[in-house]
Amino acid sequence: MRLDKFVSHSCQLTRKEAQKKIKLGLVSVAGKVVNQIAYQIAADDDIKVENQEAALVQHGYWMLNKPTGFICANSDPHHRTVFDLFDKNIKGKYQKKTLQIAGRLDIDTTGLVLITSDGQWNHCVTSPNNQCPKSYRVELEKPLNSHDKNILESGIQLAGEKKVTQPAELESLHSNIWNLTIYEGKFHQVKRMFTAVNNRVLNLHRFKIGELTLDSALEPSAYRPLTEAEILSFNFPGQANG
């Protein structure tokens, strides 16, 4: 792992803040000051920041294949929530109120939901400023014609919004089944986009967030922890790629 990425995660800093500390000589690896922000560290390296031992914060990160009928909320008096799908030992360890949903889905929408105890990571995934792409498989009531496709790919005005949507990406799987990628997350955005071109979404399934694709081995209602590489595939606010 890069040193600046480690310092960012362990100290809950932006990447730029972490890089500044490294350049100022405030970070040491195995007792030696390291000024190279891209320095590659090993898992067992002794790292100190301003003479204080640094370690990755032990947060939880999971991907869930959400089924229909569950809402993305910590609690609800009328519906089951995605947290009802989690093992009670996980809920007991982190306490339900500390677990957060990184990218919510409607009750009738299925697919990839990310859940974490790491608020900064959640912000990175969901902040509009980061324009994290989200990809969906959309089944429509009517075939999508080329004119409406061009409108959606150029940006469309939604009712009640001041600005048009950002350009979407569309890939045809069938005349009325499409892969759609958007870079924002307005309220009920996908459904409203197709309503704006006089169509209707019959089924909606999210299969990708950022570079992370829903594990094909996960059945509906199943979940698994994210790997370290999957966690780090999302850039923290203010950090550079790499």
Protein backbone atom coordinates (compact mmCIF):
# COMPACT_ATOMS: atom_id res chain seq x y z
CA MET A 1 0.00 0.00 0.00
CA ARG A 2 1.18 3.54 -0.68
CA LEU A 3 2.33 5.43 2.39
CA ASP A 4 0.04 8.41 1.77
CA LYS A 5 -2.96 6.12 1.46
CA PHE A 6 -2.08 4.37 4.73
CA VAL A 7 -1.64 7.67 6.59
CA SER A 8 -4.91 8.95 5.13
CA HIS A 9 -6.82 5.90 6.35
CA SER A 10 -5.12 5.44 9.70
CA CYS A 11 -5.32 9.11 10.72
CA GLN A 12 -8.67 9.86 9.06
CA LEU A 13 -7.09 12.56 6.88
CA THR A 14 -7.64 13.58 3.29
CA ARG A 15 -4.93 12.37 0.93
CA LYS A 16 -3.57 15.92 0.58
CA GLU A 17 -3.32 16.31 4.34
CA ALA A 18 -1.52 12.97 4.60
CA GLN A 19 0.89 13.93 1.82
CA LYS A 20 1.70 17.20 3.59
CA LYS A 21 2.67 15.37 6.79
CA ILE A 22 4.90 13.00 4.82
CA LYS A 23 6.64 15.84 2.97
CA LEU A 24 7.23 17.67 6.27
CA GLY A 25 9.07 14.63 7.62
CA LEU A 26 6.45 13.78 10.22
CA VAL A 27 6.08 10.14 9.15
CA SER A 28 8.54 7.33 9.83
CA VAL A 29 8.66 3.73 8.65
CA ALA A 30 10.67 1.24 10.73
CA GLY A 31 12.29 4.14 12.60
CA LYS A 32 13.35 6.08 9.51
CA VAL A 33 11.71 9.25 8.23
CA VAL A 34 10.20 8.74 4.78
CA ASN A 35 9.41 11.75 2.59
CA GLN A 36 8.15 9.83 -0.46
CA ILE A 37 4.37 9.93 -0.62
CA ALA A 38 4.24 6.90 -2.96
CA TYR A 39 6.55 4.79 -0.77
CA GLN A 40 5.24 1.21 -0.67
CA ILE A 41 4.78 -0.16 2.83
CA ALA A 42 4.42 -3.75 4.00
CA ALA A 43 1.67 -5.06 6.25
CA ASP A 44 4.06 -5.50 9.21
CA ASP A 45 5.88 -2.15 8.94
CA ASP A 46 6.07 -0.06 12.11
CA ILE A 47 4.70 3.34 11.07
CA LYS A 48 4.54 6.46 13.19
CA VAL A 49 2.92 9.81 12.46
CA GLU A 50 4.29 12.65 14.58
CA ASN A 51 5.92 10.02 16.82
CA GLN A 52 2.57 8.29 17.42
CA GLU A 53 2.01 4.71 16.27
CA ALA A 54 -0.42 4.53 13.36
CA ALA A 55 -2.64 1.62 12.41
CA LEU A 56 -5.56 1.14 10.09
CA VAL A 57 -8.84 1.78 11.87
CA GLN A 58 -10.72 -1.49 12.22
CA HIS A 59 -13.96 -0.69 10.46
CA GLY A 60 -16.41 -3.06 8.83
CA TYR A 61 -17.20 -3.01 5.10
CA TRP A 62 -19.67 -5.27 3.29
CA MET A 63 -21.43 -5.69 -0.01
CA LEU A 64 -25.03 -6.89 0.07
CA ASN A 65 -27.21 -8.23 -2.72
CA LYS A 66 -30.40 -6.46 -1.70
CA PRO A 67 -33.69 -8.19 -2.51
CA THR A 68 -37.03 -6.44 -2.99
CA GLY A 69 -39.15 -5.70 0.06
CA PHE A 70 -36.34 -4.28 2.20
CA ILE A 71 -35.65 -0.60 2.73
CA CYS A 72 -32.28 1.07 3.13
CA ALA A 73 -32.64 2.51 6.62
CA ASN A 74 -31.33 1.72 10.08
CA SER A 75 -34.84 1.18 11.39
CA ASP A 76 -38.43 1.51 10.25
CA PRO A 77 -41.74 0.85 12.02
CA HIS A 78 -43.45 -0.56 8.93
CA HIS A 79 -40.86 -2.33 6.77
CA ARG A 80 -37.96 -4.70 7.12
CA THR A 81 -34.57 -3.04 6.62
CA VAL A 82 -31.36 -4.28 5.05
CA PHE A 83 -29.90 -4.60 8.54
CA ASP A 84 -32.46 -7.31 9.30
CA LEU A 85 -30.52 -9.44 6.81
CA PHE A 86 -27.31 -9.17 8.83
CA ASP A 87 -26.10 -11.69 11.37
CA LYS A 88 -26.88 -10.59 14.93
CA ASN A 89 -23.21 -10.96 15.87
CA ILE A 90 -22.26 -8.27 13.34
CA LYS A 91 -25.03 -6.01 14.56
CA GLY A 92 -23.93 -6.62 18.13
CA LYS A 93 -20.29 -5.87 17.41
CA TYR A 94 -20.86 -2.59 15.62
CA GLN A 95 -24.27 -1.67 17.03
CA LYS A 96 -26.93 -0.98 14.44
CA LYS A 97 -26.80 2.80 14.90
CA THR A 98 -23.12 2.94 13.87
CA LEU A 99 -23.56 1.03 10.61
CA GLN A 100 -24.19 3.20 7.58
CA ILE A 101 -25.51 2.59 4.09
CA ALA A 102 -23.28 3.91 1.33
CA GLY A 103 -25.77 4.42 -1.48
CA ARG A 104 -29.42 3.64 -0.76
CA LEU A 105 -31.87 1.78 -2.97
CA ASP A 106 -35.67 1.97 -3.09
CA ILE A 107 -37.72 -0.82 -1.52
CA ASP A 108 -38.48 -2.33 -4.95
CA THR A 109 -34.93 -1.96 -6.34
CA THR A 110 -32.48 -4.85 -6.06
CA GLY A 111 -28.74 -5.27 -6.17
CA LEU A 112 -25.53 -3.84 -4.79
CA VAL A 113 -25.67 -2.02 -1.46
CA LEU A 114 -22.53 -1.10 0.48
CA ILE A 115 -22.64 -1.02 4.27
CA THR A 116 -19.88 0.25 6.54
CA SER A 117 -19.03 1.60 9.98
CA ASP A 118 -16.57 4.06 8.38
CA GLY A 119 -18.22 7.46 7.98
CA GLN A 120 -15.39 8.97 5.93
CA TRP A 121 -15.43 6.08 3.48
CA ASN A 122 -19.20 6.39 3.21
CA HIS A 123 -18.83 10.09 2.40
CA CYS A 124 -16.29 9.27 -0.26
CA VAL A 125 -18.67 6.83 -1.96
CA THR A 126 -21.75 9.03 -1.75
CA SER A 127 -20.52 12.64 -1.99
CA PRO A 128 -21.81 14.31 -5.19
CA ASN A 129 -18.44 16.05 -5.52
CA ASN A 130 -16.71 12.72 -6.12
CA GLN A 131 -19.07 11.75 -8.98
CA CYS A 132 -18.80 8.05 -8.19
CA PRO A 133 -20.41 6.12 -11.09
CA LYS A 134 -23.32 3.80 -10.35
CA SER A 135 -24.50 1.24 -12.90
CA TYR A 136 -27.97 -0.28 -13.16
CA ARG A 137 -29.80 -2.82 -15.29
CA VAL A 138 -33.11 -1.20 -16.22
CA GLU A 139 -36.16 -3.00 -17.61
CA LEU A 140 -38.55 -0.53 -19.26
CA GLU A 141 -42.24 -0.66 -20.07
CA LYS A 142 -41.55 0.41 -23.66
CA PRO A 143 -38.53 0.15 -25.97
CA LEU A 144 -36.18 3.09 -25.71
CA ASN A 145 -35.81 4.88 -29.04
CA SER A 146 -32.64 6.60 -30.23
CA HIS A 147 -34.11 10.09 -29.70
CA ASP A 148 -34.85 9.48 -26.03
CA LYS A 149 -31.52 7.72 -25.58
CA ASN A 150 -29.72 10.80 -26.89
CA ILE A 151 -31.68 13.03 -24.50
CA LEU A 152 -30.70 10.92 -21.50
CA GLU A 153 -27.07 10.77 -22.59
CA SER A 154 -26.98 14.54 -22.99
CA GLY A 155 -28.67 15.35 -19.66
CA ILE A 156 -32.36 15.81 -19.00
CA GLN A 157 -34.42 18.24 -16.92
CA LEU A 158 -36.23 16.50 -14.08
CA ALA A 159 -39.36 17.90 -12.49
CA GLY A 160 -38.51 20.04 -9.47
CA GLU A 161 -34.80 20.26 -10.29
CA LYS A 162 -32.96 23.46 -11.21
CA LYS A 163 -30.23 21.77 -13.26
CA VAL A 164 -30.32 19.05 -15.89
CA THR A 165 -28.88 15.70 -14.95
CA GLN A 166 -25.30 14.91 -15.78
CA PRO A 167 -24.86 12.93 -19.01
CA ALA A 168 -25.72 9.27 -18.56
CA GLU A 169 -24.22 6.25 -20.31
CA LEU A 170 -26.55 3.70 -21.88
CA GLU A 171 -25.84 0.24 -23.27
CA SER A 172 -28.58 -1.76 -24.96
CA LEU A 173 -29.18 -5.35 -23.87
CA HIS A 174 -32.61 -5.48 -25.51
CA SER A 175 -34.98 -2.89 -26.90
CA ASN A 176 -36.42 -2.35 -23.41
CA ILE A 177 -33.55 -3.61 -21.23
CA TRP A 178 -30.55 -1.34 -20.77
CA ASN A 179 -27.44 -0.90 -18.68
CA LEU A 180 -27.41 2.65 -17.33
CA THR A 181 -24.54 4.46 -15.62
CA ILE A 182 -25.06 7.75 -13.80
CA TYR A 183 -22.66 9.95 -11.84
CA GLU A 184 -25.00 11.47 -9.28
CA GLY A 185 -27.74 10.29 -6.95
CA LYS A 186 -30.79 12.49 -7.01
CA PHE A 187 -33.96 11.27 -5.29
CA HIS A 188 -35.48 8.41 -7.35
CA GLN A 189 -33.26 9.61 -10.19
CA VAL A 190 -33.34 6.62 -12.52
CA LYS A 191 -37.10 6.27 -12.41
CA ARG A 192 -37.60 10.02 -12.87
CA MET A 193 -35.22 10.10 -15.84
CA PHE A 194 -37.27 7.57 -17.77
CA THR A 195 -40.53 9.14 -16.68
CA ALA A 196 -39.23 12.37 -18.25
CA VAL A 197 -39.05 10.62 -21.65
CA ASN A 198 -42.55 9.12 -21.25
CA ASN A 199 -41.39 5.66 -20.22
CA ARG A 200 -41.61 3.66 -17.00
CA VAL A 201 -39.14 1.50 -15.11
CA LEU A 202 -40.52 -1.98 -14.42
CA ASN A 203 -37.46 -3.46 -12.74
CA LEU A 204 -34.28 -1.84 -11.49
CA HIS A 205 -31.11 -3.62 -10.38
CA ARG A 206 -27.82 -1.96 -9.39
CA PHE A 207 -24.79 -4.06 -10.22
CA LYS A 208 -21.85 -1.69 -9.85
CA ILE A 209 -20.64 1.24 -7.74
CA GLY A 210 -17.35 2.83 -8.76
CA GLU A 211 -15.05 -0.01 -9.79
CA LEU A 212 -16.83 -2.48 -7.51
CA THR A 213 -19.15 -4.99 -9.17
CA LEU A 214 -21.70 -7.05 -7.26
CA ASP A 215 -20.27 -10.51 -6.58
CA SER A 216 -22.07 -12.95 -8.86
CA ALA A 217 -21.80 -15.63 -6.15
CA LEU A 218 -24.02 -13.62 -3.79
CA GLU A 219 -27.63 -14.74 -3.86
CA PRO A 220 -30.34 -12.17 -3.02
CA SER A 221 -30.19 -11.36 0.73
CA ALA A 222 -26.58 -12.60 0.96
CA TYR A 223 -23.60 -10.41 1.84
CA ARG A 224 -19.85 -10.66 2.32
CA PRO A 225 -17.00 -8.47 3.66
CA LEU A 226 -15.15 -6.35 1.13
CA THR A 227 -11.53 -7.17 0.40
CA GLU A 228 -8.85 -4.60 1.18
CA ALA A 229 -8.44 -3.88 -2.54
CA GLU A 230 -12.18 -3.29 -2.87
CA ILE A 231 -12.21 -0.93 0.10
CA LEU A 232 -9.27 1.04 -1.25
CA SER A 233 -10.73 1.26 -4.76
CA PHE A 234 -12.69 4.29 -3.55
CA ASN A 235 -10.59 7.43 -3.24
CA PHE A 236 -10.92 9.54 -0.13
CA PRO A 237 -11.82 13.22 -0.45
CA GLY A 238 -8.89 15.30 -1.60
CA GLN A 239 -6.67 12.40 -2.55
CA ALA A 240 -5.08 11.76 -5.89
CA ASN A 241 -5.40 8.56 -7.83
CA GLY A 242 -2.79 5.87 -7.52
